[in-house]
Amino acid sequence: MAEFDDHKESGALRTIGEVAKATGIKAHVLRYWEQQFPQLKPLKRSGGRRYYRAEDVVLVERIDRLVNREGYTLKGAKAALRGAPDQQAAAEVSAAAEASVSGDVLAKLKAIRMDLHAALAG
């Protein structure tokens, strides 16, 4: 879970700025995700000030992992969060995995090529 350095208890409510700082996700992205993911509903006080609960922060981190680390689109991430990935989401996961493997293979081939060049030059 995100590391907060505000000396509050772990279950304390956090402002959008505190969550943004701890997770590295900009506040405008968090607000956009609130529109896109119905599960993400921080408390709103007077003036529209948002307060994120611990479970909201966990959800933000999960969305971040899906979208920014695992390569899901927002539609695919929504399906994954619902727990019933649709065919589009499954295809996205497959494509992301294939791209990752392709990148690994490409890196290995480049290393072999450099080794061959070094052997021929030496």
PDB file of N, CA and C in Angstrom:
ATOM      1  N   MET A   1       0.837  -1.186   0.000  1.00  0.00           N
ATOM      2  CA  MET A   1       0.000   0.000   0.000  1.00  0.00           C
ATOM      3  C   MET A   1       0.876   1.241   0.000  1.00  0.00           C
ATOM      4  N   ALA A   2       0.332   2.350  -0.447  1.00  0.00           N
ATOM      5  CA  ALA A   2       1.073   3.603  -0.543  1.00  0.00           C
ATOM      6  C   ALA A   2       1.636   3.997   0.814  1.00  0.00           C
ATOM      7  N   GLU A   3       2.805   4.599   0.768  1.00  0.00           N
ATOM      8  CA  GLU A   3       3.452   5.075   1.990  1.00  0.00           C
ATOM      9  C   GLU A   3       3.108   6.546   2.201  1.00  0.00           C
ATOM     10  N   PHE A   4       2.426   6.821   3.297  1.00  0.00           N
ATOM     11  CA  PHE A   4       2.083   8.190   3.644  1.00  0.00           C
ATOM     12  C   PHE A   4       3.033   8.647   4.743  1.00  0.00           C
ATOM     13  N   ASP A   5       3.562   9.861   4.597  1.00  0.00           N
ATOM     14  CA  ASP A   5       4.464  10.385   5.616  1.00  0.00           C
ATOM     15  C   ASP A   5       3.827  11.552   6.375  1.00  0.00           C
ATOM     16  N   ASP A   6       2.526  11.408   6.646  1.00  0.00           N
ATOM     17  CA  ASP A   6       1.789  12.487   7.293  1.00  0.00           C
ATOM     18  C   ASP A   6       1.496  12.213   8.766  1.00  0.00           C
ATOM     19  N   HIS A   7       2.016  11.130   9.293  1.00  0.00           N
ATOM     20  CA  HIS A   7       1.878  10.755  10.703  1.00  0.00           C
ATOM     21  C   HIS A   7       0.436  10.503  11.124  1.00  0.00           C
ATOM     22  N   LYS A   8      -0.448  10.212  10.148  1.00  0.00           N
ATOM     23  CA  LYS A   8      -1.822   9.833  10.468  1.00  0.00           C
ATOM     24  C   LYS A   8      -1.876   8.326  10.632  1.00  0.00           C
ATOM     25  N   GLU A   9      -2.930   7.844  11.268  1.00  0.00           N
ATOM     26  CA  GLU A   9      -3.120   6.399  11.377  1.00  0.00           C
ATOM     27  C   GLU A   9      -3.359   5.817   9.988  1.00  0.00           C
ATOM     28  N   SER A  10      -3.073   4.535   9.827  1.00  0.00           N
ATOM     29  CA  SER A  10      -3.170   3.911   8.505  1.00  0.00           C
ATOM     30  C   SER A  10      -4.583   3.963   7.933  1.00  0.00           C
ATOM     31  N   GLY A  11      -5.609   3.949   8.763  1.00  0.00           N
ATOM     32  CA  GLY A  11      -6.989   3.978   8.281  1.00  0.00           C
ATOM     33  C   GLY A  11      -7.577   5.370   8.170  1.00  0.00           C
ATOM     34  N   ALA A  12      -6.768   6.402   8.366  1.00  0.00           N
ATOM     35  CA  ALA A  12      -7.267   7.784   8.345  1.00  0.00           C
ATOM     36  C   ALA A  12      -7.695   8.196   6.940  1.00  0.00           C
ATOM     37  N   LEU A  13      -8.598   9.159   6.879  1.00  0.00           N
ATOM     38  CA  LEU A  13      -9.009   9.715   5.594  1.00  0.00           C
ATOM     39  C   LEU A  13      -7.871  10.556   5.034  1.00  0.00           C
ATOM     40  N   ARG A  14      -7.705  10.514   3.714  1.00  0.00           N
ATOM     41  CA  ARG A  14      -6.636  11.259   3.044  1.00  0.00           C
ATOM     42  C   ARG A  14      -7.242  12.172   1.991  1.00  0.00           C
ATOM     43  N   THR A  15      -6.633  13.333   1.819  1.00  0.00           N
ATOM     44  CA  THR A  15      -7.079  14.238   0.758  1.00  0.00           C
ATOM     45  C   THR A  15      -6.553  13.729  -0.572  1.00  0.00           C
ATOM     46  N   ILE A  16      -7.102  14.264  -1.640  1.00  0.00           N
ATOM     47  CA  ILE A  16      -6.656  13.856  -2.964  1.00  0.00           C
ATOM     48  C   ILE A  16      -5.177  14.209  -3.158  1.00  0.00           C
ATOM     49  N   GLY A  17      -4.737  15.327  -2.586  1.00  0.00           N
ATOM     50  CA  GLY A  17      -3.333  15.709  -2.686  1.00  0.00           C
ATOM     51  C   GLY A  17      -2.425  14.730  -1.979  1.00  0.00           C
ATOM     52  N   GLU A  18      -2.843  14.250  -0.809  1.00  0.00           N
ATOM     53  CA  GLU A  18      -2.041  13.266  -0.071  1.00  0.00           C
ATOM     54  C   GLU A  18      -1.957  11.950  -0.831  1.00  0.00           C
ATOM     55  N   VAL A  19      -3.072  11.527  -1.416  1.00  0.00           N
ATOM     56  CA  VAL A  19      -3.086  10.286  -2.186  1.00  0.00           C
ATOM     57  C   VAL A  19      -2.219  10.446  -3.440  1.00  0.00           C
ATOM     58  N   ALA A  20      -2.339  11.587  -4.101  1.00  0.00           N
ATOM     59  CA  ALA A  20      -1.546  11.839  -5.301  1.00  0.00           C
ATOM     60  C   ALA A  20      -0.057  11.796  -4.979  1.00  0.00           C
ATOM     61  N   LYS A  21       0.330  12.417  -3.897  1.00  0.00           N
ATOM     62  CA  LYS A  21       1.746  12.446  -3.518  1.00  0.00           C
ATOM     63  C   LYS A  21       2.262  11.053  -3.162  1.00  0.00           C
ATOM     64  N   ALA A  22       1.480  10.296  -2.414  1.00  0.00           N
ATOM     65  CA  ALA A  22       1.914   8.972  -1.954  1.00  0.00           C
ATOM     66  C   ALA A  22       1.972   7.953  -3.085  1.00  0.00           C
ATOM     67  N   THR A  23       1.059   8.065  -4.058  1.00  0.00           N
ATOM     68  CA  THR A  23       0.999   7.072  -5.136  1.00  0.00           C
ATOM     69  C   THR A  23       1.747   7.500  -6.394  1.00  0.00           C
ATOM     70  N   GLY A  24       2.044   8.792  -6.505  1.00  0.00           N
ATOM     71  CA  GLY A  24       2.687   9.286  -7.717  1.00  0.00           C
ATOM     72  C   GLY A  24       1.715   9.467  -8.869  1.00  0.00           C
ATOM     73  N   ILE A  25       0.430   9.474  -8.568  1.00  0.00           N
ATOM     74  CA  ILE A  25      -0.600   9.650  -9.589  1.00  0.00           C
ATOM     75  C   ILE A  25      -1.165  11.057  -9.434  1.00  0.00           C
ATOM     76  N   LYS A  26      -1.158  11.824 -10.490  1.00  0.00           N
ATOM     77  CA  LYS A  26      -1.608  13.210 -10.419  1.00  0.00           C
ATOM     78  C   LYS A  26      -3.087  13.296 -10.040  1.00  0.00           C
ATOM     79  N   ALA A  27      -3.425  14.385  -9.352  1.00  0.00           N
ATOM     80  CA  ALA A  27      -4.790  14.573  -8.860  1.00  0.00           C
ATOM     81  C   ALA A  27      -5.810  14.576  -9.995  1.00  0.00           C
ATOM     82  N   HIS A  28      -5.476  15.182 -11.137  1.00  0.00           N
ATOM     83  CA  HIS A  28      -6.448  15.210 -12.239  1.00  0.00           C
ATOM     84  C   HIS A  28      -6.707  13.806 -12.776  1.00  0.00           C
ATOM     85  N   VAL A  29      -5.718  12.924 -12.700  1.00  0.00           N
ATOM     86  CA  VAL A  29      -5.912  11.535 -13.131  1.00  0.00           C
ATOM     87  C   VAL A  29      -6.840  10.829 -12.141  1.00  0.00           C
ATOM     88  N   LEU A  30      -6.640  11.071 -10.853  1.00  0.00           N
ATOM     89  CA  LEU A  30      -7.512  10.473  -9.835  1.00  0.00           C
ATOM     90  C   LEU A  30      -8.958  10.921 -10.039  1.00  0.00           C
ATOM     91  N   ARG A  31      -9.159  12.206 -10.328  1.00  0.00           N
ATOM     92  CA  ARG A  31     -10.528  12.695 -10.569  1.00  0.00           C
ATOM     93  C   ARG A  31     -11.123  12.037 -11.814  1.00  0.00           C
ATOM     94  N   TYR A  32     -10.313  11.869 -12.857  1.00  0.00           N
ATOM     95  CA  TYR A  32     -10.791  11.214 -14.075  1.00  0.00           C
ATOM     96  C   TYR A  32     -11.169   9.769 -13.783  1.00  0.00           C
ATOM     97  N   TRP A  33     -10.324   9.071 -13.029  1.00  0.00           N
ATOM     98  CA  TRP A  33     -10.618   7.683 -12.689  1.00  0.00           C
ATOM     99  C   TRP A  33     -11.911   7.575 -11.900  1.00  0.00           C
ATOM    100  N   GLU A  34     -12.226   8.570 -11.084  1.00  0.00           N
ATOM    101  CA  GLU A  34     -13.492   8.550 -10.345  1.00  0.00           C
ATOM    102  C   GLU A  34     -14.670   8.527 -11.313  1.00  0.00           C
ATOM    103  N   GLN A  35     -14.527   9.210 -12.449  1.00  0.00           N
ATOM    104  CA  GLN A  35     -15.590   9.221 -13.457  1.00  0.00           C
ATOM    105  C   GLN A  35     -15.661   7.885 -14.198  1.00  0.00           C
ATOM    106  N   GLN A  36     -14.513   7.261 -14.411  1.00  0.00           N
ATOM    107  CA  GLN A  36     -14.435   6.055 -15.224  1.00  0.00           C
ATOM    108  C   GLN A  36     -14.722   4.763 -14.455  1.00  0.00           C
ATOM    109  N   PHE A  37     -14.414   4.749 -13.174  1.00  0.00           N
ATOM    110  CA  PHE A  37     -14.561   3.540 -12.364  1.00  0.00           C
ATOM    111  C   PHE A  37     -15.597   3.788 -11.271  1.00  0.00           C
ATOM    112  N   PRO A  38     -16.794   3.234 -11.427  1.00  0.00           N
ATOM    113  CA  PRO A  38     -17.862   3.486 -10.462  1.00  0.00           C
ATOM    114  C   PRO A  38     -17.520   3.015  -9.049  1.00  0.00           C
ATOM    115  N   GLN A  39     -16.587   2.056  -8.930  1.00  0.00           N
ATOM    116  CA  GLN A  39     -16.207   1.552  -7.608  1.00  0.00           C
ATOM    117  C   GLN A  39     -15.419   2.585  -6.810  1.00  0.00           C
ATOM    118  N   LEU A  40     -14.785   3.530  -7.497  1.00  0.00           N
ATOM    119  CA  LEU A  40     -13.943   4.532  -6.836  1.00  0.00           C
ATOM    120  C   LEU A  40     -14.803   5.736  -6.451  1.00  0.00           C
ATOM    121  N   LYS A  41     -15.203   5.756  -5.196  1.00  0.00           N
ATOM    122  CA  LYS A  41     -16.085   6.815  -4.710  1.00  0.00           C
ATOM    123  C   LYS A  41     -15.554   7.366  -3.385  1.00  0.00           C
ATOM    124  N   PRO A  42     -14.580   8.284  -3.436  1.00  0.00           N
ATOM    125  CA  PRO A  42     -14.124   8.875  -2.177  1.00  0.00           C
ATOM    126  C   PRO A  42     -15.242   9.732  -1.573  1.00  0.00           C
ATOM    127  N   LEU A  43     -15.146   9.935  -0.275  1.00  0.00           N
ATOM    128  CA  LEU A  43     -16.123  10.798   0.388  1.00  0.00           C
ATOM    129  C   LEU A  43     -15.942  12.221  -0.101  1.00  0.00           C
ATOM    130  N   LYS A  44     -17.061  12.938  -0.261  1.00  0.00           N
ATOM    131  CA  LYS A  44     -16.967  14.337  -0.672  1.00  0.00           C
ATOM    132  C   LYS A  44     -17.620  15.196   0.400  1.00  0.00           C
ATOM    133  N   ARG A  45     -16.886  16.198   0.818  1.00  0.00           N
ATOM    134  CA  ARG A  45     -17.386  17.130   1.842  1.00  0.00           C
ATOM    135  C   ARG A  45     -17.787  18.444   1.185  1.00  0.00           C
ATOM    136  N   SER A  46     -18.117  19.421   2.005  1.00  0.00           N
ATOM    137  CA  SER A  46     -18.541  20.714   1.477  1.00  0.00           C
ATOM    138  C   SER A  46     -17.462  21.279   0.555  1.00  0.00           C
ATOM    139  N   GLY A  47     -17.908  21.917  -0.495  1.00  0.00           N
ATOM    140  CA  GLY A  47     -16.973  22.480  -1.454  1.00  0.00           C
ATOM    141  C   GLY A  47     -16.390  21.440  -2.389  1.00  0.00           C
ATOM    142  N   GLY A  48     -16.865  20.183  -2.312  1.00  0.00           N
ATOM    143  CA  GLY A  48     -16.379  19.138  -3.197  1.00  0.00           C
ATOM    144  C   GLY A  48     -15.043  18.546  -2.798  1.00  0.00           C
ATOM    145  N   ARG A  49     -14.571  18.851  -1.604  1.00  0.00           N
ATOM    146  CA  ARG A  49     -13.282  18.319  -1.142  1.00  0.00           C
ATOM    147  C   ARG A  49     -13.397  16.808  -0.971  1.00  0.00           C
ATOM    148  N   ARG A  50     -12.429  16.082  -1.556  1.00  0.00           N
ATOM    149  CA  ARG A  50     -12.451  14.625  -1.539  1.00  0.00           C
ATOM    150  C   ARG A  50     -11.623  14.078  -0.390  1.00  0.00           C
ATOM    151  N   TYR A  51     -12.144  13.020   0.211  1.00  0.00           N
ATOM    152  CA  TYR A  51     -11.403  12.305   1.251  1.00  0.00           C
ATOM    153  C   TYR A  51     -11.406  10.822   0.898  1.00  0.00           C
ATOM    154  N   TYR A  52     -10.218  10.299   0.692  1.00  0.00           N
ATOM    155  CA  TYR A  52     -10.060   8.899   0.321  1.00  0.00           C
ATOM    156  C   TYR A  52      -9.913   8.028   1.562  1.00  0.00           C
ATOM    157  N   ARG A  53     -10.699   6.950   1.602  1.00  0.00           N
ATOM    158  CA  ARG A  53     -10.570   5.953   2.667  1.00  0.00           C
ATOM    159  C   ARG A  53      -9.450   4.993   2.285  1.00  0.00           C
ATOM    160  N   ALA A  54      -9.020   4.167   3.224  1.00  0.00           N
ATOM    161  CA  ALA A  54      -7.942   3.205   2.952  1.00  0.00           C
ATOM    162  C   ALA A  54      -8.320   2.291   1.790  1.00  0.00           C
ATOM    163  N   GLU A  55      -9.581   1.849   1.718  1.00  0.00           N
ATOM    164  CA  GLU A  55     -10.000   0.971   0.627  1.00  0.00           C
ATOM    165  C   GLU A  55     -10.002   1.695  -0.718  1.00  0.00           C
ATOM    166  N   ASP A  56     -10.230   3.017  -0.705  1.00  0.00           N
ATOM    167  CA  ASP A  56     -10.143   3.796  -1.946  1.00  0.00           C
ATOM    168  C   ASP A  56      -8.700   3.828  -2.445  1.00  0.00           C
ATOM    169  N   VAL A  57      -7.759   3.985  -1.523  1.00  0.00           N
ATOM    170  CA  VAL A  57      -6.343   4.028  -1.893  1.00  0.00           C
ATOM    171  C   VAL A  57      -5.913   2.676  -2.471  1.00  0.00           C
ATOM    172  N   VAL A  58      -6.381   1.598  -1.873  1.00  0.00           N
ATOM    173  CA  VAL A  58      -6.062   0.260  -2.395  1.00  0.00           C
ATOM    174  C   VAL A  58      -6.613   0.113  -3.813  1.00  0.00           C
ATOM    175  N   LEU A  59      -7.822   0.593  -4.046  1.00  0.00           N
ATOM    176  CA  LEU A  59      -8.424   0.519  -5.376  1.00  0.00           C
ATOM    177  C   LEU A  59      -7.643   1.374  -6.371  1.00  0.00           C
ATOM    178  N   VAL A  60      -7.231   2.560  -5.973  1.00  0.00           N
ATOM    179  CA  VAL A  60      -6.425   3.428  -6.841  1.00  0.00           C
ATOM    180  C   VAL A  60      -5.138   2.704  -7.245  1.00  0.00           C
ATOM    181  N   GLU A  61      -4.500   2.053  -6.285  1.00  0.00           N
ATOM    182  CA  GLU A  61      -3.266   1.330  -6.584  1.00  0.00           C
ATOM    183  C   GLU A  61      -3.516   0.154  -7.524  1.00  0.00           C
ATOM    184  N   ARG A  62      -4.655  -0.490  -7.367  1.00  0.00           N
ATOM    185  CA  ARG A  62      -4.989  -1.616  -8.249  1.00  0.00           C
ATOM    186  C   ARG A  62      -5.254  -1.118  -9.672  1.00  0.00           C
ATOM    187  N   ILE A  63      -5.982  -0.030  -9.806  1.00  0.00           N
ATOM    188  CA  ILE A  63      -6.235   0.554 -11.125  1.00  0.00           C
ATOM    189  C   ILE A  63      -4.914   0.971 -11.761  1.00  0.00           C
ATOM    190  N   ASP A  64      -4.054   1.597 -10.982  1.00  0.00           N
ATOM    191  CA  ASP A  64      -2.743   2.026 -11.482  1.00  0.00           C
ATOM    192  C   ASP A  64      -1.936   0.827 -11.990  1.00  0.00           C
ATOM    193  N   ARG A  65      -1.947  -0.259 -11.225  1.00  0.00           N
ATOM    194  CA  ARG A  65      -1.211  -1.462 -11.630  1.00  0.00           C
ATOM    195  C   ARG A  65      -1.764  -2.011 -12.944  1.00  0.00           C
ATOM    196  N   LEU A  66      -3.086  -2.107 -13.034  1.00  0.00           N
ATOM    197  CA  LEU A  66      -3.709  -2.651 -14.241  1.00  0.00           C
ATOM    198  C   LEU A  66      -3.413  -1.786 -15.470  1.00  0.00           C
ATOM    199  N   VAL A  67      -3.590  -0.482 -15.315  1.00  0.00           N
ATOM    200  CA  VAL A  67      -3.494   0.419 -16.467  1.00  0.00           C
ATOM    201  C   VAL A  67      -2.037   0.757 -16.801  1.00  0.00           C
ATOM    202  N   ASN A  68      -1.255   1.093 -15.809  1.00  0.00           N
ATOM    203  CA  ASN A  68       0.082   1.618 -16.089  1.00  0.00           C
ATOM    204  C   ASN A  68       1.199   0.586 -16.038  1.00  0.00           C
ATOM    205  N   ARG A  69       0.962  -0.566 -15.445  1.00  0.00           N
ATOM    206  CA  ARG A  69       2.027  -1.564 -15.371  1.00  0.00           C
ATOM    207  C   ARG A  69       1.706  -2.820 -16.182  1.00  0.00           C
ATOM    208  N   GLU A  70       0.428  -3.197 -16.212  1.00  0.00           N
ATOM    209  CA  GLU A  70       0.052  -4.419 -16.918  1.00  0.00           C
ATOM    210  C   GLU A  70      -0.504  -4.156 -18.315  1.00  0.00           C
ATOM    211  N   GLY A  71      -0.665  -2.893 -18.683  1.00  0.00           N
ATOM    212  CA  GLY A  71      -1.047  -2.550 -20.042  1.00  0.00           C
ATOM    213  C   GLY A  71      -2.517  -2.644 -20.389  1.00  0.00           C
ATOM    214  N   TYR A  72      -3.386  -2.691 -19.398  1.00  0.00           N
ATOM    215  CA  TYR A  72      -4.825  -2.729 -19.676  1.00  0.00           C
ATOM    216  C   TYR A  72      -5.288  -1.362 -20.180  1.00  0.00           C
ATOM    217  N   THR A  73      -6.306  -1.387 -21.031  1.00  0.00           N
ATOM    218  CA  THR A  73      -7.012  -0.150 -21.347  1.00  0.00           C
ATOM    219  C   THR A  73      -7.967   0.111 -20.181  1.00  0.00           C
ATOM    220  N   LEU A  74      -8.582   1.278 -20.167  1.00  0.00           N
ATOM    221  CA  LEU A  74      -9.552   1.551 -19.099  1.00  0.00           C
ATOM    222  C   LEU A  74     -10.713   0.561 -19.164  1.00  0.00           C
ATOM    223  N   LYS A  75     -11.155   0.241 -20.379  1.00  0.00           N
ATOM    224  CA  LYS A  75     -12.253  -0.725 -20.525  1.00  0.00           C
ATOM    225  C   LYS A  75     -11.837  -2.088 -19.978  1.00  0.00           C
ATOM    226  N   GLY A  76     -10.649  -2.522 -20.295  1.00  0.00           N
ATOM    227  CA  GLY A  76     -10.154  -3.801 -19.801  1.00  0.00           C
ATOM    228  C   GLY A  76      -9.980  -3.806 -18.299  1.00  0.00           C
ATOM    229  N   ALA A  77      -9.489  -2.686 -17.750  1.00  0.00           N
ATOM    230  CA  ALA A  77      -9.317  -2.586 -16.302  1.00  0.00           C
ATOM    231  C   ALA A  77     -10.672  -2.633 -15.595  1.00  0.00           C
ATOM    232  N   LYS A  78     -11.673  -1.974 -16.176  1.00  0.00           N
ATOM    233  CA  LYS A  78     -13.024  -2.023 -15.587  1.00  0.00           C
ATOM    234  C   LYS A  78     -13.522  -3.465 -15.543  1.00  0.00           C
ATOM    235  N   ALA A  79     -13.325  -4.193 -16.642  1.00  0.00           N
ATOM    236  CA  ALA A  79     -13.767  -5.593 -16.702  1.00  0.00           C
ATOM    237  C   ALA A  79     -13.001  -6.427 -15.677  1.00  0.00           C
ATOM    238  N   ALA A  80     -11.715  -6.200 -15.553  1.00  0.00           N
ATOM    239  CA  ALA A  80     -10.905  -6.955 -14.590  1.00  0.00           C
ATOM    240  C   ALA A  80     -11.353  -6.672 -13.161  1.00  0.00           C
ATOM    241  N   LEU A  81     -11.703  -5.435 -12.870  1.00  0.00           N
ATOM    242  CA  LEU A  81     -12.169  -5.080 -11.527  1.00  0.00           C
ATOM    243  C   LEU A  81     -13.532  -5.688 -11.231  1.00  0.00           C
ATOM    244  N   ARG A  82     -14.343  -5.861 -12.267  1.00  0.00           N
ATOM    245  CA  ARG A  82     -15.643  -6.508 -12.072  1.00  0.00           C
ATOM    246  C   ARG A  82     -15.457  -7.991 -11.791  1.00  0.00           C
ATOM    247  N   GLY A  83     -14.298  -8.525 -12.146  1.00  0.00           N
ATOM    248  CA  GLY A  83     -14.014  -9.931 -11.879  1.00  0.00           C
ATOM    249  C   GLY A  83     -14.494 -10.854 -12.976  1.00  0.00           C
ATOM    250  N   ALA A  84     -15.068 -10.294 -14.026  1.00  0.00           N
ATOM    251  CA  ALA A  84     -15.541 -11.106 -15.141  1.00  0.00           C
ATOM    252  C   ALA A  84     -15.010 -10.499 -16.426  1.00  0.00           C
ATOM    253  N   PRO A  85     -13.730 -10.723 -16.716  1.00  0.00           N
ATOM    254  CA  PRO A  85     -13.155 -10.105 -17.908  1.00  0.00           C
ATOM    255  C   PRO A  85     -13.909 -10.502 -19.171  1.00  0.00           C
ATOM    256  N   ASP A  86     -14.216  -9.510 -19.986  1.00  0.00           N
ATOM    257  CA  ASP A  86     -14.874  -9.814 -21.247  1.00  0.00           C
ATOM    258  C   ASP A  86     -13.828 -10.218 -22.279  1.00  0.00           C
ATOM    259  N   GLN A  87     -14.248 -10.546 -23.474  1.00  0.00           N
ATOM    260  CA  GLN A  87     -13.312 -11.013 -24.500  1.00  0.00           C
ATOM    261  C   GLN A  87     -12.307  -9.929 -24.863  1.00  0.00           C
ATOM    262  N   GLN A  88     -12.740  -8.675 -24.881  1.00  0.00           N
ATOM    263  CA  GLN A  88     -11.835  -7.567 -25.195  1.00  0.00           C
ATOM    264  C   GLN A  88     -10.725  -7.496 -24.149  1.00  0.00           C
ATOM    265  N   ALA A  89     -11.083  -7.604 -22.887  1.00  0.00           N
ATOM    266  CA  ALA A  89     -10.088  -7.547 -21.817  1.00  0.00           C
ATOM    267  C   ALA A  89      -9.127  -8.722 -21.908  1.00  0.00           C
ATOM    268  N   ALA A  90      -9.657  -9.907 -22.204  1.00  0.00           N
ATOM    269  CA  ALA A  90      -8.800 -11.082 -22.345  1.00  0.00           C
ATOM    270  C   ALA A  90      -7.839 -10.903 -23.510  1.00  0.00           C
ATOM    271  N   ALA A  91      -8.320 -10.326 -24.595  1.00  0.00           N
ATOM    272  CA  ALA A  91      -7.452 -10.076 -25.744  1.00  0.00           C
ATOM    273  C   ALA A  91      -6.368  -9.067 -25.397  1.00  0.00           C
ATOM    274  N   GLU A  92      -6.715  -8.056 -24.592  1.00  0.00           N
ATOM    275  CA  GLU A  92      -5.728  -7.059 -24.175  1.00  0.00           C
ATOM    276  C   GLU A  92      -4.641  -7.699 -23.326  1.00  0.00           C
ATOM    277  N   VAL A  93      -5.031  -8.567 -22.410  1.00  0.00           N
ATOM    278  CA  VAL A  93      -4.057  -9.248 -21.567  1.00  0.00           C
ATOM    279  C   VAL A  93      -3.146 -10.102 -22.428  1.00  0.00           C
ATOM    280  N   SER A  94      -3.738 -10.821 -23.376  1.00  0.00           N
ATOM    281  CA  SER A  94      -2.964 -11.671 -24.271  1.00  0.00           C
ATOM    282  C   SER A  94      -1.996 -10.837 -25.103  1.00  0.00           C
ATOM    283  N   ALA A  95      -2.465  -9.723 -25.629  1.00  0.00           N
ATOM    284  CA  ALA A  95      -1.606  -8.854 -26.440  1.00  0.00           C
ATOM    285  C   ALA A  95      -0.481  -8.261 -25.600  1.00  0.00           C
ATOM    286  N   ALA A  96      -0.796  -7.860 -24.359  1.00  0.00           N
ATOM    287  CA  ALA A  96       0.231  -7.300 -23.475  1.00  0.00           C
ATOM    288  C   ALA A  96       1.276  -8.355 -23.149  1.00  0.00           C
ATOM    289  N   ALA A  97       0.847  -9.587 -22.902  1.00  0.00           N
ATOM    290  CA  ALA A  97       1.782 -10.669 -22.604  1.00  0.00           C
ATOM    291  C   ALA A  97       2.634 -10.979 -23.823  1.00  0.00           C
ATOM    292  N   GLU A  98       2.013 -10.989 -25.002  1.00  0.00           N
ATOM    293  CA  GLU A  98       2.747 -11.262 -26.235  1.00  0.00           C
ATOM    294  C   GLU A  98       3.780 -10.168 -26.495  1.00  0.00           C
ATOM    295  N   ALA A  99       3.411  -8.921 -26.276  1.00  0.00           N
ATOM    296  CA  ALA A  99       4.349  -7.812 -26.467  1.00  0.00           C
ATOM    297  C   ALA A  99       5.512  -7.923 -25.510  1.00  0.00           C
ATOM    298  N   SER A 100       5.234  -8.343 -24.280  1.00  0.00           N
ATOM    299  CA  SER A 100       6.287  -8.510 -23.290  1.00  0.00           C
ATOM    300  C   SER A 100       7.252  -9.607 -23.720  1.00  0.00           C
ATOM    301  N   VAL A 101       6.708 -10.728 -24.180  1.00  0.00           N
ATOM    302  CA  VAL A 101       7.547 -11.825 -24.650  1.00  0.00           C
ATOM    303  C   VAL A 101       8.333 -11.378 -25.876  1.00  0.00           C
ATOM    304  N   SER A 102       7.676 -10.677 -26.796  1.00  0.00           N
ATOM    305  CA  SER A 102       8.353 -10.197 -27.991  1.00  0.00           C
ATOM    306  C   SER A 102       9.500  -9.273 -27.617  1.00  0.00           C
ATOM    307  N   GLY A 103       9.284  -8.409 -26.630  1.00  0.00           N
ATOM    308  CA  GLY A 103      10.341  -7.512 -26.173  1.00  0.00           C
ATOM    309  C   GLY A 103      11.501  -8.288 -25.587  1.00  0.00           C
ATOM    310  N   ASP A 104      11.216  -9.340 -24.822  1.00  0.00           N
ATOM    311  CA  ASP A 104      12.266 -10.176 -24.240  1.00  0.00           C
ATOM    312  C   ASP A 104      13.051 -10.881 -25.332  1.00  0.00           C
ATOM    313  N   VAL A 105      12.349 -11.433 -26.316  1.00  0.00           N
ATOM    314  CA  VAL A 105      12.997 -12.139 -27.414  1.00  0.00           C
ATOM    315  C   VAL A 105      13.863 -11.167 -28.210  1.00  0.00           C
ATOM    316  N   LEU A 106      13.335  -9.986 -28.471  1.00  0.00           N
ATOM    317  CA  LEU A 106      14.086  -8.985 -29.219  1.00  0.00           C
ATOM    318  C   LEU A 106      15.363  -8.605 -28.479  1.00  0.00           C
ATOM    319  N   ALA A 107      15.277  -8.404 -27.175  1.00  0.00           N
ATOM    320  CA  ALA A 107      16.459  -8.059 -26.386  1.00  0.00           C
ATOM    321  C   ALA A 107      17.499  -9.180 -26.438  1.00  0.00           C
ATOM    322  N   LYS A 108      17.049 -10.421 -26.363  1.00  0.00           N
ATOM    323  CA  LYS A 108      17.971 -11.563 -26.436  1.00  0.00           C
ATOM    324  C   LYS A 108      18.620 -11.650 -27.814  1.00  0.00           C
ATOM    325  N   LEU A 109      17.846 -11.429 -28.863  1.00  0.00           N
ATOM    326  CA  LEU A 109      18.395 -11.468 -30.217  1.00  0.00           C
ATOM    327  C   LEU A 109      19.435 -10.367 -30.420  1.00  0.00           C
ATOM    328  N   LYS A 110      19.169  -9.187 -29.886  1.00  0.00           N
ATOM    329  CA  LYS A 110      20.146  -8.095 -30.007  1.00  0.00           C
ATOM    330  C   LYS A 110      21.435  -8.441 -29.270  1.00  0.00           C
ATOM    331  N   ALA A 111      21.318  -9.078 -28.107  1.00  0.00           N
ATOM    332  CA  ALA A 111      22.509  -9.480 -27.356  1.00  0.00           C
ATOM    333  C   ALA A 111      23.310 -10.520 -28.129  1.00  0.00           C
ATOM    334  N   ILE A 112      22.626 -11.475 -28.744  1.00  0.00           N
ATOM    335  CA  ILE A 112      23.311 -12.496 -29.552  1.00  0.00           C
ATOM    336  C   ILE A 112      24.013 -11.836 -30.731  1.00  0.00           C
ATOM    337  N   ARG A 113      23.325 -10.901 -31.374  1.00  0.00           N
ATOM    338  CA  ARG A 113      23.914 -10.185 -32.515  1.00  0.00           C
ATOM    339  C   ARG A 113      25.175  -9.443 -32.112  1.00  0.00           C
ATOM    340  N   MET A 114      25.144  -8.793 -30.953  1.00  0.00           N
ATOM    341  CA  MET A 114      26.338  -8.067 -30.482  1.00  0.00           C
ATOM    342  C   MET A 114      27.468  -9.039 -30.183  1.00  0.00           C
ATOM    343  N   ASP A 115      27.141 -10.180 -29.595  1.00  0.00           N
ATOM    344  CA  ASP A 115      28.155 -11.215 -29.318  1.00  0.00           C
ATOM    345  C   ASP A 115      28.781 -11.724 -30.601  1.00  0.00           C
ATOM    346  N   LEU A 116      27.957 -11.932 -31.639  1.00  0.00           N
ATOM    347  CA  LEU A 116      28.470 -12.411 -32.923  1.00  0.00           C
ATOM    348  C   LEU A 116      29.382 -11.367 -33.573  1.00  0.00           C
ATOM    349  N   HIS A 117      28.972 -10.113 -33.518  1.00  0.00           N
ATOM    350  CA  HIS A 117      29.808  -9.042 -34.064  1.00  0.00           C
ATOM    351  C   HIS A 117      31.151  -8.985 -33.333  1.00  0.00           C
ATOM    352  N   ALA A 118      31.113  -9.122 -32.005  1.00  0.00           N
ATOM    353  CA  ALA A 118      32.339  -9.084 -31.218  1.00  0.00           C
ATOM    354  C   ALA A 118      33.231 -10.277 -31.560  1.00  0.00           C
ATOM    355  N   ALA A 119      32.629 -11.442 -31.773  1.00  0.00           N
ATOM    356  CA  ALA A 119      33.418 -12.644 -32.102  1.00  0.00           C
ATOM    357  C   ALA A 119      34.042 -12.507 -33.482  1.00  0.00           C
ATOM    358  N   LEU A 120      33.313 -11.968 -34.424  1.00  0.00           N
ATOM    359  CA  LEU A 120      33.849 -11.794 -35.779  1.00  0.00           C
ATOM    360  C   LEU A 120      34.931 -10.715 -35.833  1.00  0.00           C
ATOM    361  N   ALA A 121      34.770  -9.685 -35.014  1.00  0.00           N
ATOM    362  CA  ALA A 121      35.750  -8.597 -34.988  1.00  0.00           C
ATOM    363  C   ALA A 121      37.016  -8.995 -34.240  1.00  0.00           C
ATOM    364  N   GLY A 122      36.910  -9.914 -33.283  1.00  0.00           N
ATOM    365  CA  GLY A 122      38.017 -10.262 -32.404  1.00  0.00           C
ATOM    366  C   GLY A 122      38.827 -11.344 -32.942  1.00  0.00           C
TER     367      GLY A 122
END
